[in-house]
Amino acid sequence: MQVVRLGLRNVLMSSLLLTGISLASLSYLQFVPPDKTSLFIAVGFAVRFVGSVGGAVSGFTSLTLISVIAGSRRAFMLVRDIYYLTADIDS
């Protein structure tokens, strides 16, 4: 039996490609016909799920790569996500 070695670089590139494709495909959700609400919701959730898996793998691979490069020194990965919630209130 032959062992397949993926390598950190290939996993990182694949996850970034997966995330990019899923984010680009989100822009095509506007072309789903308005009367097919369940299709819109299903495709939206599927695309977001694929994007989140790609993002999680990308973050994990980046942290692993940093710790491998740093060796015995401590390696920190600073991740800061800021979401702004805005609402337009009509008075």
Protein backbone atom coordinates (compact mmCIF):
# COMPACT_ATOMS: atom_id res chain seq x y z
CA MET A 1 0.00 0.00 0.00
CA GLN A 2 1.39 3.36 -1.01
CA VAL A 3 1.21 6.29 1.39
CA VAL A 4 0.00 9.56 -0.07
CA ARG A 5 1.62 12.63 1.49
CA LEU A 6 -0.30 15.82 0.99
CA GLY A 7 2.02 18.28 2.67
CA LEU A 8 1.15 21.53 4.40
CA ARG A 9 1.64 23.65 1.33
CA ASN A 10 -0.80 21.65 -0.79
CA VAL A 11 -3.41 21.57 1.98
CA LEU A 12 -3.07 25.33 2.53
CA MET A 13 -3.36 26.12 -1.18
CA SER A 14 -6.34 23.79 -1.58
CA SER A 15 -8.16 25.32 1.37
CA LEU A 16 -7.53 28.86 0.12
CA LEU A 17 -8.77 27.85 -3.33
CA LEU A 18 -11.86 26.22 -1.80
CA THR A 19 -12.61 29.33 0.25
CA GLY A 20 -12.12 31.62 -2.73
CA ILE A 21 -14.34 29.59 -5.03
CA SER A 22 -17.10 29.39 -2.44
CA LEU A 23 -16.99 33.13 -1.81
CA ALA A 24 -17.05 33.85 -5.52
CA SER A 25 -19.99 31.49 -6.00
CA LEU A 26 -21.93 33.39 -3.33
CA SER A 27 -22.30 36.24 -5.79
CA TYR A 28 -24.29 33.98 -8.11
CA LEU A 29 -27.03 33.41 -5.55
CA GLN A 30 -28.81 36.47 -6.88
CA PHE A 31 -29.64 34.56 -10.05
CA VAL A 32 -31.78 31.98 -8.25
CA PRO A 33 -35.40 32.65 -9.24
CA PRO A 34 -37.39 34.46 -6.53
CA ASP A 35 -40.11 31.80 -6.38
CA LYS A 36 -37.59 29.09 -5.37
CA THR A 37 -36.96 30.14 -1.78
CA SER A 38 -36.04 26.66 -0.55
CA LEU A 39 -33.46 26.28 -3.33
CA PHE A 40 -31.97 29.65 -2.43
CA ILE A 41 -31.67 28.68 1.24
CA ALA A 42 -30.22 25.25 0.46
CA VAL A 43 -27.62 26.57 -1.99
CA GLY A 44 -26.75 29.44 0.34
CA PHE A 45 -26.16 27.11 3.29
CA ALA A 46 -24.15 24.67 1.15
CA VAL A 47 -21.90 27.40 -0.22
CA ARG A 48 -21.37 28.91 3.24
CA PHE A 49 -20.61 25.45 4.67
CA VAL A 50 -17.96 24.79 2.03
CA GLY A 51 -16.46 28.23 2.66
CA SER A 52 -16.34 27.70 6.40
CA VAL A 53 -14.65 24.32 6.02
CA GLY A 54 -12.07 25.92 3.73
CA GLY A 55 -11.52 28.76 6.19
CA ALA A 56 -11.14 26.41 9.15
CA VAL A 57 -8.65 24.22 7.31
CA SER A 58 -6.76 27.31 6.16
CA GLY A 59 -6.45 28.66 9.71
CA PHE A 60 -5.42 25.30 11.13
CA THR A 61 -2.84 24.75 8.41
CA SER A 62 -1.43 28.25 8.86
CA LEU A 63 -1.03 27.72 12.59
CA THR A 64 0.62 24.35 12.01
CA LEU A 65 2.98 25.85 9.45
CA ILE A 66 3.93 28.67 11.81
CA SER A 67 4.63 26.23 14.65
CA VAL A 68 6.74 24.01 12.39
CA ILE A 69 8.80 26.98 11.20
CA ALA A 70 9.21 28.45 14.69
CA GLY A 71 10.49 25.18 16.11
CA SER A 72 10.97 25.31 19.86
CA ARG A 73 10.08 29.00 20.11
CA ARG A 74 6.52 29.98 20.82
CA ALA A 75 4.34 30.75 17.85
CA PHE A 76 1.22 32.86 18.04
CA MET A 77 -1.31 33.49 15.35
CA LEU A 78 -3.35 36.62 15.84
CA VAL A 79 -6.83 36.31 14.46
CA ARG A 80 -9.21 39.21 14.82
CA ASP A 81 -12.61 39.17 13.22
CA ILE A 82 -14.72 42.27 13.67
CA TYR A 83 -18.28 42.27 12.49
CA TYR A 84 -20.30 45.44 12.46
CA LEU A 85 -24.04 45.08 12.74
CA THR A 86 -25.84 48.00 11.21
CA ALA A 87 -29.54 48.59 11.08
CA ASP A 88 -31.49 51.27 9.30
CA ILE A 89 -34.38 52.37 11.45
CA ASP A 90 -37.06 54.37 9.72
CA SER A 91 -38.68 56.90 12.05
